[in-house]
Amino acid sequence: MKIKESFYMKVAVLKLYGKLMGPPDTDELLNELKSLLEEGFKRIVIDLKHVRWINSVGMGALIKCYNIVRSNEGSFFLADLSPKTRSVMFISQMHRVFQIKETVKEAVKFLNQKG
């Protein structure tokens, strides 16, 4: 998996490419997230548009990311879910846990408007 970082004012976006199915990819994602928090970014968007597949370990990594950001009093959004990722998210009922936006642009706009 490949991760590309982008920054839009107060929001950090992590764009994921490939499969999110376990180590070392999940470890890399968690390390990137922790690094962003250390740099002071508390508004995080995970762009899943290019994630071809996610399994339970990958879903667990997203839950860990969510919990880490929330415990640091931050905001965490998923955006632009690929069809496979969207399917897994709804089958597992995790769409009820995560805040999901249709596009990264929509998530960034919402987070930058927060006080």
PDB file of N, CA and C in Angstrom:
ATOM      1  N   MET A   1       0.836  -1.175   0.000  1.00  0.00           N
ATOM      2  CA  MET A   1       0.000   0.000   0.000  1.00  0.00           C
ATOM      3  C   MET A   1       0.885   1.243   0.000  1.00  0.00           C
ATOM      4  N   LYS A   2       0.378   2.277  -0.620  1.00  0.00           N
ATOM      5  CA  LYS A   2       1.072   3.559  -0.682  1.00  0.00           C
ATOM      6  C   LYS A   2       0.195   4.604   0.000  1.00  0.00           C
ATOM      7  N   ILE A   3       0.828   5.544   0.710  1.00  0.00           N
ATOM      8  CA  ILE A   3       0.109   6.614   1.388  1.00  0.00           C
ATOM      9  C   ILE A   3       0.671   7.953   0.920  1.00  0.00           C
ATOM     10  N   LYS A   4      -0.224   8.845   0.503  1.00  0.00           N
ATOM     11  CA  LYS A   4       0.177  10.184   0.085  1.00  0.00           C
ATOM     12  C   LYS A   4      -0.492  11.194   1.019  1.00  0.00           C
ATOM     13  N   GLU A   5       0.300  12.101   1.569  1.00  0.00           N
ATOM     14  CA  GLU A   5      -0.214  13.144   2.462  1.00  0.00           C
ATOM     15  C   GLU A   5      -0.493  14.428   1.690  1.00  0.00           C
ATOM     16  N   SER A   6      -1.588  15.094   2.064  1.00  0.00           N
ATOM     17  CA  SER A   6      -1.916  16.420   1.547  1.00  0.00           C
ATOM     18  C   SER A   6      -2.412  17.250   2.719  1.00  0.00           C
ATOM     19  N   PHE A   7      -2.243  18.553   2.618  1.00  0.00           N
ATOM     20  CA  PHE A   7      -2.650  19.438   3.700  1.00  0.00           C
ATOM     21  C   PHE A   7      -3.490  20.568   3.146  1.00  0.00           C
ATOM     22  N   TYR A   8      -4.615  20.843   3.801  1.00  0.00           N
ATOM     23  CA  TYR A   8      -5.535  21.897   3.404  1.00  0.00           C
ATOM     24  C   TYR A   8      -5.879  22.701   4.651  1.00  0.00           C
ATOM     25  N   MET A   9      -5.160  23.776   4.846  1.00  0.00           N
ATOM     26  CA  MET A   9      -5.295  24.618   6.036  1.00  0.00           C
ATOM     27  C   MET A   9      -5.079  23.766   7.285  1.00  0.00           C
ATOM     28  N   LYS A  10      -6.123  23.516   8.070  1.00  0.00           N
ATOM     29  CA  LYS A  10      -5.982  22.789   9.329  1.00  0.00           C
ATOM     30  C   LYS A  10      -6.210  21.282   9.183  1.00  0.00           C
ATOM     31  N   VAL A  11      -6.432  20.814   7.965  1.00  0.00           N
ATOM     32  CA  VAL A  11      -6.807  19.414   7.735  1.00  0.00           C
ATOM     33  C   VAL A  11      -5.686  18.659   7.023  1.00  0.00           C
ATOM     34  N   ALA A  12      -5.398  17.471   7.533  1.00  0.00           N
ATOM     35  CA  ALA A  12      -4.447  16.560   6.874  1.00  0.00           C
ATOM     36  C   ALA A  12      -5.248  15.445   6.217  1.00  0.00           C
ATOM     37  N   VAL A  13      -4.900  15.155   4.967  1.00  0.00           N
ATOM     38  CA  VAL A  13      -5.567  14.080   4.220  1.00  0.00           C
ATOM     39  C   VAL A  13      -4.541  12.995   3.925  1.00  0.00           C
ATOM     40  N   LEU A  14      -4.900  11.767   4.269  1.00  0.00           N
ATOM     41  CA  LEU A  14      -4.080  10.610   3.917  1.00  0.00           C
ATOM     42  C   LEU A  14      -4.808   9.848   2.824  1.00  0.00           C
ATOM     43  N   LYS A  15      -4.219   9.860   1.639  1.00  0.00           N
ATOM     44  CA  LYS A  15      -4.796   9.152   0.497  1.00  0.00           C
ATOM     45  C   LYS A  15      -4.130   7.779   0.414  1.00  0.00           C
ATOM     46  N   LEU A  16      -4.935   6.732   0.527  1.00  0.00           N
ATOM     47  CA  LEU A  16      -4.416   5.369   0.521  1.00  0.00           C
ATOM     48  C   LEU A  16      -4.584   4.747  -0.861  1.00  0.00           C
ATOM     49  N   TYR A  17      -3.573   3.983  -1.276  1.00  0.00           N
ATOM     50  CA  TYR A  17      -3.590   3.284  -2.564  1.00  0.00           C
ATOM     51  C   TYR A  17      -3.294   1.803  -2.319  1.00  0.00           C
ATOM     52  N   GLY A  18      -4.081   0.927  -2.904  1.00  0.00           N
ATOM     53  CA  GLY A  18      -3.814  -0.509  -2.811  1.00  0.00           C
ATOM     54  C   GLY A  18      -4.798  -1.221  -1.909  1.00  0.00           C
ATOM     55  N   LYS A  19      -4.289  -2.185  -1.141  1.00  0.00           N
ATOM     56  CA  LYS A  19      -5.117  -2.980  -0.240  1.00  0.00           C
ATOM     57  C   LYS A  19      -4.754  -2.657   1.202  1.00  0.00           C
ATOM     58  N   LEU A  20      -5.763  -2.655   2.057  1.00  0.00           N
ATOM     59  CA  LEU A  20      -5.562  -2.429   3.484  1.00  0.00           C
ATOM     60  C   LEU A  20      -5.970  -3.722   4.190  1.00  0.00           C
ATOM     61  N   MET A  21      -4.989  -4.618   4.326  1.00  0.00           N
ATOM     62  CA  MET A  21      -5.316  -5.965   4.793  1.00  0.00           C
ATOM     63  C   MET A  21      -4.435  -6.454   5.939  1.00  0.00           C
ATOM     64  N   GLY A  22      -3.592  -5.628   6.487  1.00  0.00           N
ATOM     65  CA  GLY A  22      -2.767  -6.048   7.608  1.00  0.00           C
ATOM     66  C   GLY A  22      -1.361  -5.512   7.500  1.00  0.00           C
ATOM     67  N   PRO A  23      -0.521  -5.920   8.456  1.00  0.00           N
ATOM     68  CA  PRO A  23       0.870  -5.457   8.437  1.00  0.00           C
ATOM     69  C   PRO A  23       1.564  -5.883   7.143  1.00  0.00           C
ATOM     70  N   PRO A  24       2.475  -5.088   6.661  1.00  0.00           N
ATOM     71  CA  PRO A  24       3.005  -3.851   7.239  1.00  0.00           C
ATOM     72  C   PRO A  24       2.169  -2.610   6.911  1.00  0.00           C
ATOM     73  N   ASP A  25       1.163  -2.763   6.047  1.00  0.00           N
ATOM     74  CA  ASP A  25       0.380  -1.602   5.607  1.00  0.00           C
ATOM     75  C   ASP A  25      -0.373  -0.924   6.743  1.00  0.00           C
ATOM     76  N   THR A  26      -1.008  -1.712   7.599  1.00  0.00           N
ATOM     77  CA  THR A  26      -1.758  -1.125   8.709  1.00  0.00           C
ATOM     78  C   THR A  26      -0.816  -0.424   9.689  1.00  0.00           C
ATOM     79  N   ASP A  27       0.357  -0.991   9.901  1.00  0.00           N
ATOM     80  CA  ASP A  27       1.345  -0.349  10.779  1.00  0.00           C
ATOM     81  C   ASP A  27       1.797   0.988  10.197  1.00  0.00           C
ATOM     82  N   GLU A  28       1.999   1.014   8.893  1.00  0.00           N
ATOM     83  CA  GLU A  28       2.413   2.243   8.224  1.00  0.00           C
ATOM     84  C   GLU A  28       1.342   3.329   8.374  1.00  0.00           C
ATOM     85  N   LEU A  29       0.088   2.948   8.218  1.00  0.00           N
ATOM     86  CA  LEU A  29      -1.009   3.902   8.372  1.00  0.00           C
ATOM     87  C   LEU A  29      -1.038   4.473   9.787  1.00  0.00           C
ATOM     88  N   LEU A  30      -0.932   3.607  10.781  1.00  0.00           N
ATOM     89  CA  LEU A  30      -0.946   4.071  12.172  1.00  0.00           C
ATOM     90  C   LEU A  30       0.244   4.985  12.467  1.00  0.00           C
ATOM     91  N   ASN A  31       1.407   4.657  11.943  1.00  0.00           N
ATOM     92  CA  ASN A  31       2.592   5.504  12.140  1.00  0.00           C
ATOM     93  C   ASN A  31       2.415   6.869  11.494  1.00  0.00           C
ATOM     94  N   GLU A  32       1.864   6.896  10.272  1.00  0.00           N
ATOM     95  CA  GLU A  32       1.608   8.177   9.587  1.00  0.00           C
ATOM     96  C   GLU A  32       0.646   9.031  10.399  1.00  0.00           C
ATOM     97  N   LEU A  33      -0.404   8.409  10.914  1.00  0.00           N
ATOM     98  CA  LEU A  33      -1.398   9.129  11.694  1.00  0.00           C
ATOM     99  C   LEU A  33      -0.780   9.705  12.965  1.00  0.00           C
ATOM    100  N   LYS A  34      -0.020   8.903  13.684  1.00  0.00           N
ATOM    101  CA  LYS A  34       0.624   9.376  14.913  1.00  0.00           C
ATOM    102  C   LYS A  34       1.587  10.526  14.621  1.00  0.00           C
ATOM    103  N   SER A  35       2.274  10.449  13.506  1.00  0.00           N
ATOM    104  CA  SER A  35       3.191  11.515  13.106  1.00  0.00           C
ATOM    105  C   SER A  35       2.434  12.825  12.871  1.00  0.00           C
ATOM    106  N   LEU A  36       1.284  12.737  12.207  1.00  0.00           N
ATOM    107  CA  LEU A  36       0.472  13.932  11.956  1.00  0.00           C
ATOM    108  C   LEU A  36       0.001  14.556  13.267  1.00  0.00           C
ATOM    109  N   LEU A  37      -0.414  13.714  14.195  1.00  0.00           N
ATOM    110  CA  LEU A  37      -0.863  14.226  15.496  1.00  0.00           C
ATOM    111  C   LEU A  37       0.281  14.909  16.234  1.00  0.00           C
ATOM    112  N   GLU A  38       1.475  14.342  16.161  1.00  0.00           N
ATOM    113  CA  GLU A  38       2.649  14.949  16.793  1.00  0.00           C
ATOM    114  C   GLU A  38       2.978  16.297  16.172  1.00  0.00           C
ATOM    115  N   GLU A  39       2.677  16.446  14.877  1.00  0.00           N
ATOM    116  CA  GLU A  39       2.914  17.708  14.183  1.00  0.00           C
ATOM    117  C   GLU A  39       1.811  18.732  14.455  1.00  0.00           C
ATOM    118  N   GLY A  40       0.777  18.327  15.187  1.00  0.00           N
ATOM    119  CA  GLY A  40      -0.285  19.256  15.551  1.00  0.00           C
ATOM    120  C   GLY A  40      -1.551  19.171  14.722  1.00  0.00           C
ATOM    121  N   PHE A  41      -1.612  18.252  13.780  1.00  0.00           N
ATOM    122  CA  PHE A  41      -2.829  18.092  12.975  1.00  0.00           C
ATOM    123  C   PHE A  41      -3.821  17.220  13.744  1.00  0.00           C
ATOM    124  N   LYS A  42      -5.000  17.782  14.010  1.00  0.00           N
ATOM    125  CA  LYS A  42      -6.027  17.046  14.740  1.00  0.00           C
ATOM    126  C   LYS A  42      -7.280  16.828  13.904  1.00  0.00           C
ATOM    127  N   ARG A  43      -7.257  17.284  12.686  1.00  0.00           N
ATOM    128  CA  ARG A  43      -8.379  17.087  11.761  1.00  0.00           C
ATOM    129  C   ARG A  43      -7.864  16.215  10.627  1.00  0.00           C
ATOM    130  N   ILE A  44      -8.311  14.971  10.611  1.00  0.00           N
ATOM    131  CA  ILE A  44      -7.760  13.966   9.707  1.00  0.00           C
ATOM    132  C   ILE A  44      -8.858  13.415   8.798  1.00  0.00           C
ATOM    133  N   VAL A  45      -8.519  13.312   7.518  1.00  0.00           N
ATOM    134  CA  VAL A  45      -9.397  12.667   6.536  1.00  0.00           C
ATOM    135  C   VAL A  45      -8.614  11.522   5.905  1.00  0.00           C
ATOM    136  N   ILE A  46      -9.235  10.353   5.861  1.00  0.00           N
ATOM    137  CA  ILE A  46      -8.647   9.204   5.173  1.00  0.00           C
ATOM    138  C   ILE A  46      -9.394   9.038   3.860  1.00  0.00           C
ATOM    139  N   ASP A  47      -8.681   9.200   2.758  1.00  0.00           N
ATOM    140  CA  ASP A  47      -9.233   9.076   1.407  1.00  0.00           C
ATOM    141  C   ASP A  47      -9.103   7.616   0.975  1.00  0.00           C
ATOM    142  N   LEU A  48     -10.245   6.953   0.788  1.00  0.00           N
ATOM    143  CA  LEU A  48     -10.256   5.526   0.458  1.00  0.00           C
ATOM    144  C   LEU A  48     -10.618   5.248  -1.002  1.00  0.00           C
ATOM    145  N   LYS A  49     -10.563   6.267  -1.837  1.00  0.00           N
ATOM    146  CA  LYS A  49     -10.962   6.117  -3.229  1.00  0.00           C
ATOM    147  C   LYS A  49     -10.169   5.034  -3.960  1.00  0.00           C
ATOM    148  N   HIS A  50      -8.881   4.910  -3.646  1.00  0.00           N
ATOM    149  CA  HIS A  50      -8.019   3.979  -4.379  1.00  0.00           C
ATOM    150  C   HIS A  50      -7.689   2.715  -3.580  1.00  0.00           C
ATOM    151  N   VAL A  51      -8.482   2.438  -2.554  1.00  0.00           N
ATOM    152  CA  VAL A  51      -8.305   1.195  -1.795  1.00  0.00           C
ATOM    153  C   VAL A  51      -9.126   0.117  -2.500  1.00  0.00           C
ATOM    154  N   ARG A  52      -8.401  -0.868  -3.031  1.00  0.00           N
ATOM    155  CA  ARG A  52      -9.074  -1.926  -3.800  1.00  0.00           C
ATOM    156  C   ARG A  52      -9.777  -2.932  -2.906  1.00  0.00           C
ATOM    157  N   TRP A  53      -9.258  -3.133  -1.696  1.00  0.00           N
ATOM    158  CA  TRP A  53      -9.895  -4.083  -0.790  1.00  0.00           C
ATOM    159  C   TRP A  53      -9.484  -3.786   0.639  1.00  0.00           C
ATOM    160  N   ILE A  54     -10.375  -4.093   1.564  1.00  0.00           N
ATOM    161  CA  ILE A  54     -10.099  -3.951   2.989  1.00  0.00           C
ATOM    162  C   ILE A  54     -10.682  -5.172   3.688  1.00  0.00           C
ATOM    163  N   ASN A  55      -9.945  -5.730   4.634  1.00  0.00           N
ATOM    164  CA  ASN A  55     -10.453  -6.868   5.396  1.00  0.00           C
ATOM    165  C   ASN A  55     -10.647  -6.448   6.847  1.00  0.00           C
ATOM    166  N   SER A  56     -10.896  -7.411   7.727  1.00  0.00           N
ATOM    167  CA  SER A  56     -11.164  -7.084   9.127  1.00  0.00           C
ATOM    168  C   SER A  56      -9.953  -6.459   9.816  1.00  0.00           C
ATOM    169  N   VAL A  57      -8.752  -6.856   9.431  1.00  0.00           N
ATOM    170  CA  VAL A  57      -7.543  -6.262  10.025  1.00  0.00           C
ATOM    171  C   VAL A  57      -7.416  -4.801   9.576  1.00  0.00           C
ATOM    172  N   GLY A  58      -7.695  -4.543   8.308  1.00  0.00           N
ATOM    173  CA  GLY A  58      -7.686  -3.171   7.808  1.00  0.00           C
ATOM    174  C   GLY A  58      -8.757  -2.323   8.474  1.00  0.00           C
ATOM    175  N   MET A  59      -9.928  -2.909   8.666  1.00  0.00           N
ATOM    176  CA  MET A  59     -11.006  -2.196   9.356  1.00  0.00           C
ATOM    177  C   MET A  59     -10.590  -1.900  10.799  1.00  0.00           C
ATOM    178  N   GLY A  60      -9.927  -2.863  11.427  1.00  0.00           N
ATOM    179  CA  GLY A  60      -9.423  -2.652  12.786  1.00  0.00           C
ATOM    180  C   GLY A  60      -8.430  -1.501  12.852  1.00  0.00           C
ATOM    181  N   ALA A  61      -7.593  -1.371  11.826  1.00  0.00           N
ATOM    182  CA  ALA A  61      -6.631  -0.266  11.775  1.00  0.00           C
ATOM    183  C   ALA A  61      -7.355   1.078  11.663  1.00  0.00           C
ATOM    184  N   LEU A  62      -8.423   1.127  10.879  1.00  0.00           N
ATOM    185  CA  LEU A  62      -9.194   2.370  10.775  1.00  0.00           C
ATOM    186  C   LEU A  62      -9.851   2.707  12.113  1.00  0.00           C
ATOM    187  N   ILE A  63     -10.333   1.681  12.819  1.00  0.00           N
ATOM    188  CA  ILE A  63     -10.928   1.902  14.133  1.00  0.00           C
ATOM    189  C   ILE A  63      -9.873   2.427  15.105  1.00  0.00           C
ATOM    190  N   LYS A  64      -8.665   1.868  15.049  1.00  0.00           N
ATOM    191  CA  LYS A  64      -7.576   2.364  15.900  1.00  0.00           C
ATOM    192  C   LYS A  64      -7.266   3.818  15.581  1.00  0.00           C
ATOM    193  N   CYS A  65      -7.205   4.144  14.293  1.00  0.00           N
ATOM    194  CA  CYS A  65      -6.959   5.531  13.877  1.00  0.00           C
ATOM    195  C   CYS A  65      -8.031   6.449  14.451  1.00  0.00           C
ATOM    196  N   TYR A  66      -9.267   6.047  14.301  1.00  0.00           N
ATOM    197  CA  TYR A  66     -10.401   6.816  14.817  1.00  0.00           C
ATOM    198  C   TYR A  66     -10.243   7.052  16.316  1.00  0.00           C
ATOM    199  N   ASN A  67      -9.954   5.976  17.051  1.00  0.00           N
ATOM    200  CA  ASN A  67      -9.827   6.087  18.513  1.00  0.00           C
ATOM    201  C   ASN A  67      -8.648   6.961  18.926  1.00  0.00           C
ATOM    202  N   ILE A  68      -7.539   6.852  18.215  1.00  0.00           N
ATOM    203  CA  ILE A  68      -6.362   7.672  18.522  1.00  0.00           C
ATOM    204  C   ILE A  68      -6.666   9.155  18.303  1.00  0.00           C
ATOM    205  N   VAL A  69      -7.287   9.469  17.189  1.00  0.00           N
ATOM    206  CA  VAL A  69      -7.615  10.869  16.891  1.00  0.00           C
ATOM    207  C   VAL A  69      -8.615  11.410  17.909  1.00  0.00           C
ATOM    208  N   ARG A  70      -9.638  10.633  18.194  1.00  0.00           N
ATOM    209  CA  ARG A  70     -10.658  11.074  19.163  1.00  0.00           C
ATOM    210  C   ARG A  70     -10.056  11.264  20.558  1.00  0.00           C
ATOM    211  N   SER A  71      -9.131  10.384  20.963  1.00  0.00           N
ATOM    212  CA  SER A  71      -8.516  10.514  22.285  1.00  0.00           C
ATOM    213  C   SER A  71      -7.604  11.742  22.362  1.00  0.00           C
ATOM    214  N   ASN A  72      -7.215  12.264  21.201  1.00  0.00           N
ATOM    215  CA  ASN A  72      -6.427  13.501  21.133  1.00  0.00           C
ATOM    216  C   ASN A  72      -7.321  14.711  20.834  1.00  0.00           C
ATOM    217  N   GLU A  73      -8.620  14.546  21.074  1.00  0.00           N
ATOM    218  CA  GLU A  73      -9.613  15.600  20.870  1.00  0.00           C
ATOM    219  C   GLU A  73      -9.640  16.114  19.440  1.00  0.00           C
ATOM    220  N   GLY A  74      -9.467  15.187  18.493  1.00  0.00           N
ATOM    221  CA  GLY A  74      -9.482  15.551  17.087  1.00  0.00           C
ATOM    222  C   GLY A  74     -10.732  15.075  16.375  1.00  0.00           C
ATOM    223  N   SER A  75     -10.761  15.329  15.073  1.00  0.00           N
ATOM    224  CA  SER A  75     -11.864  14.914  14.211  1.00  0.00           C
ATOM    225  C   SER A  75     -11.328  13.986  13.141  1.00  0.00           C
ATOM    226  N   PHE A  76     -12.080  12.937  12.846  1.00  0.00           N
ATOM    227  CA  PHE A  76     -11.634  11.887  11.934  1.00  0.00           C
ATOM    228  C   PHE A  76     -12.760  11.558  10.962  1.00  0.00           C
ATOM    229  N   PHE A  77     -12.463  11.689   9.663  1.00  0.00           N
ATOM    230  CA  PHE A  77     -13.446  11.390   8.629  1.00  0.00           C
ATOM    231  C   PHE A  77     -12.870  10.387   7.635  1.00  0.00           C
ATOM    232  N   LEU A  78     -13.736   9.572   7.087  1.00  0.00           N
ATOM    233  CA  LEU A  78     -13.415   8.764   5.919  1.00  0.00           C
ATOM    234  C   LEU A  78     -14.100   9.437   4.744  1.00  0.00           C
ATOM    235  N   ALA A  79     -13.474   9.361   3.571  1.00  0.00           N
ATOM    236  CA  ALA A  79     -14.067  10.018   2.407  1.00  0.00           C
ATOM    237  C   ALA A  79     -13.798   9.234   1.134  1.00  0.00           C
ATOM    238  N   ASP A  80     -14.685   9.440   0.175  1.00  0.00           N
ATOM    239  CA  ASP A  80     -14.519   8.917  -1.182  1.00  0.00           C
ATOM    240  C   ASP A  80     -14.265   7.407  -1.180  1.00  0.00           C
ATOM    241  N   LEU A  81     -15.146   6.673  -0.493  1.00  0.00           N
ATOM    242  CA  LEU A  81     -14.978   5.228  -0.385  1.00  0.00           C
ATOM    243  C   LEU A  81     -15.078   4.552  -1.751  1.00  0.00           C
ATOM    244  N   SER A  82     -14.154   3.647  -2.016  1.00  0.00           N
ATOM    245  CA  SER A  82     -14.228   2.841  -3.233  1.00  0.00           C
ATOM    246  C   SER A  82     -15.434   1.908  -3.108  1.00  0.00           C
ATOM    247  N   PRO A  83     -15.943   1.376  -4.220  1.00  0.00           N
ATOM    248  CA  PRO A  83     -17.105   0.479  -4.138  1.00  0.00           C
ATOM    249  C   PRO A  83     -16.888  -0.721  -3.200  1.00  0.00           C
ATOM    250  N   LYS A  84     -15.732  -1.349  -3.259  1.00  0.00           N
ATOM    251  CA  LYS A  84     -15.467  -2.507  -2.385  1.00  0.00           C
ATOM    252  C   LYS A  84     -15.409  -2.077  -0.926  1.00  0.00           C
ATOM    253  N   THR A  85     -14.741  -0.966  -0.657  1.00  0.00           N
ATOM    254  CA  THR A  85     -14.625  -0.476   0.712  1.00  0.00           C
ATOM    255  C   THR A  85     -15.994  -0.081   1.248  1.00  0.00           C
ATOM    256  N   ARG A  86     -16.779   0.577   0.426  1.00  0.00           N
ATOM    257  CA  ARG A  86     -18.142   0.973   0.832  1.00  0.00           C
ATOM    258  C   ARG A  86     -18.960  -0.271   1.182  1.00  0.00           C
ATOM    259  N   SER A  87     -18.850  -1.298   0.368  1.00  0.00           N
ATOM    260  CA  SER A  87     -19.582  -2.535   0.607  1.00  0.00           C
ATOM    261  C   SER A  87     -19.215  -3.147   1.957  1.00  0.00           C
ATOM    262  N   VAL A  88     -17.927  -3.261   2.228  1.00  0.00           N
ATOM    263  CA  VAL A  88     -17.466  -3.820   3.501  1.00  0.00           C
ATOM    264  C   VAL A  88     -17.925  -2.945   4.660  1.00  0.00           C
ATOM    265  N   MET A  89     -17.866  -1.644   4.490  1.00  0.00           N
ATOM    266  CA  MET A  89     -18.254  -0.705   5.532  1.00  0.00           C
ATOM    267  C   MET A  89     -19.732  -0.882   5.904  1.00  0.00           C
ATOM    268  N   PHE A  90     -20.586  -1.077   4.901  1.00  0.00           N
ATOM    269  CA  PHE A  90     -22.012  -1.211   5.171  1.00  0.00           C
ATOM    270  C   PHE A  90     -22.368  -2.612   5.656  1.00  0.00           C
ATOM    271  N   ILE A  91     -21.747  -3.639   5.113  1.00  0.00           N
ATOM    272  CA  ILE A  91     -22.008  -5.000   5.582  1.00  0.00           C
ATOM    273  C   ILE A  91     -21.633  -5.145   7.053  1.00  0.00           C
ATOM    274  N   SER A  92     -20.513  -4.545   7.437  1.00  0.00           N
ATOM    275  CA  SER A  92     -20.035  -4.640   8.823  1.00  0.00           C
ATOM    276  C   SER A  92     -20.722  -3.635   9.759  1.00  0.00           C
ATOM    277  N   GLN A  93     -21.568  -2.778   9.192  1.00  0.00           N
ATOM    278  CA  GLN A  93     -22.266  -1.730   9.937  1.00  0.00           C
ATOM    279  C   GLN A  93     -21.327  -0.661  10.506  1.00  0.00           C
ATOM    280  N   MET A  94     -20.093  -0.611  10.002  1.00  0.00           N
ATOM    281  CA  MET A  94     -19.128   0.374  10.494  1.00  0.00           C
ATOM    282  C   MET A  94     -19.441   1.786   9.994  1.00  0.00           C
ATOM    283  N   HIS A  95     -20.309   1.898   9.011  1.00  0.00           N
ATOM    284  CA  HIS A  95     -20.719   3.233   8.558  1.00  0.00           C
ATOM    285  C   HIS A  95     -21.455   3.983   9.670  1.00  0.00           C
ATOM    286  N   ARG A  96     -21.894   3.249  10.697  1.00  0.00           N
ATOM    287  CA  ARG A  96     -22.558   3.875  11.834  1.00  0.00           C
ATOM    288  C   ARG A  96     -21.547   4.419  12.850  1.00  0.00           C
ATOM    289  N   VAL A  97     -20.320   3.949  12.773  1.00  0.00           N
ATOM    290  CA  VAL A  97     -19.258   4.373  13.689  1.00  0.00           C
ATOM    291  C   VAL A  97     -18.524   5.587  13.129  1.00  0.00           C
ATOM    292  N   PHE A  98     -18.139   5.493  11.862  1.00  0.00           N
ATOM    293  CA  PHE A  98     -17.318   6.520  11.234  1.00  0.00           C
ATOM    294  C   PHE A  98     -18.165   7.654  10.675  1.00  0.00           C
ATOM    295  N   GLN A  99     -17.560   8.834  10.638  1.00  0.00           N
ATOM    296  CA  GLN A  99     -18.150   9.940   9.897  1.00  0.00           C
ATOM    297  C   GLN A  99     -17.614   9.815   8.477  1.00  0.00           C
ATOM    298  N   ILE A 100     -18.521   9.685   7.515  1.00  0.00           N
ATOM    299  CA  ILE A 100     -18.139   9.441   6.129  1.00  0.00           C
ATOM    300  C   ILE A 100     -18.697  10.562   5.255  1.00  0.00           C
ATOM    301  N   LYS A 101     -17.830  11.092   4.414  1.00  0.00           N
ATOM    302  CA  LYS A 101     -18.250  12.100   3.438  1.00  0.00           C
ATOM    303  C   LYS A 101     -18.059  11.525   2.042  1.00  0.00           C
ATOM    304  N   GLU A 102     -18.881  11.970   1.112  1.00  0.00           N
ATOM    305  CA  GLU A 102     -18.818  11.465  -0.266  1.00  0.00           C
ATOM    306  C   GLU A 102     -17.500  11.802  -0.951  1.00  0.00           C
ATOM    307  N   THR A 103     -16.982  12.998  -0.665  1.00  0.00           N
ATOM    308  CA  THR A 103     -15.728  13.421  -1.302  1.00  0.00           C
ATOM    309  C   THR A 103     -14.764  13.979  -0.250  1.00  0.00           C
ATOM    310  N   VAL A 104     -13.497  13.974  -0.609  1.00  0.00           N
ATOM    311  CA  VAL A 104     -12.485  14.571   0.252  1.00  0.00           C
ATOM    312  C   VAL A 104     -12.742  16.071   0.371  1.00  0.00           C
ATOM    313  N   LYS A 105     -13.093  16.688  -0.731  1.00  0.00           N
ATOM    314  CA  LYS A 105     -13.361  18.133  -0.736  1.00  0.00           C
ATOM    315  C   LYS A 105     -14.455  18.485   0.276  1.00  0.00           C
ATOM    316  N   GLU A 106     -15.505  17.682   0.327  1.00  0.00           N
ATOM    317  CA  GLU A 106     -16.604  17.910   1.260  1.00  0.00           C
ATOM    318  C   GLU A 106     -16.123  17.759   2.712  1.00  0.00           C
ATOM    319  N   ALA A 107     -15.314  16.748   2.977  1.00  0.00           N
ATOM    320  CA  ALA A 107     -14.790  16.514   4.332  1.00  0.00           C
ATOM    321  C   ALA A 107     -13.868  17.658   4.761  1.00  0.00           C
ATOM    322  N   VAL A 108     -12.985  18.069   3.859  1.00  0.00           N
ATOM    323  CA  VAL A 108     -12.042  19.153   4.174  1.00  0.00           C
ATOM    324  C   VAL A 108     -12.797  20.448   4.443  1.00  0.00           C
ATOM    325  N   LYS A 109     -13.771  20.748   3.606  1.00  0.00           N
ATOM    326  CA  LYS A 109     -14.557  21.973   3.783  1.00  0.00           C
ATOM    327  C   LYS A 109     -15.245  21.963   5.142  1.00  0.00           C
ATOM    328  N   PHE A 110     -15.869  20.839   5.488  1.00  0.00           N
ATOM    329  CA  PHE A 110     -16.562  20.726   6.766  1.00  0.00           C
ATOM    330  C   PHE A 110     -15.585  20.923   7.932  1.00  0.00           C
ATOM    331  N   LEU A 111     -14.445  20.278   7.886  1.00  0.00           N
ATOM    332  CA  LEU A 111     -13.487  20.344   8.986  1.00  0.00           C
ATOM    333  C   LEU A 111     -12.825  21.718   9.102  1.00  0.00           C
ATOM    334  N   ASN A 112     -12.603  22.384   7.988  1.00  0.00           N
ATOM    335  CA  ASN A 112     -12.007  23.719   8.047  1.00  0.00           C
ATOM    336  C   ASN A 112     -13.002  24.769   8.545  1.00  0.00           C
ATOM    337  N   GLN A 113     -14.294  24.462   8.467  1.00  0.00           N
ATOM    338  CA  GLN A 113     -15.294  25.404   8.960  1.00  0.00           C
ATOM    339  C   GLN A 113     -15.514  25.261  10.456  1.00  0.00           C
ATOM    340  N   LYS A 114     -15.007  24.170  11.046  1.00  0.00           N
ATOM    341  CA  LYS A 114     -15.141  23.992  12.500  1.00  0.00           C
ATOM    342  C   LYS A 114     -14.298  25.037  13.217  1.00  0.00           C
ATOM    343  N   GLY A 115     -14.761  25.445  14.375  1.00  0.00           N
ATOM    344  CA  GLY A 115     -14.074  26.475  15.154  1.00  0.00           C
ATOM    345  C   GLY A 115     -12.717  26.170  15.615  1.00  0.00           C
TER     346      GLY A 115
END
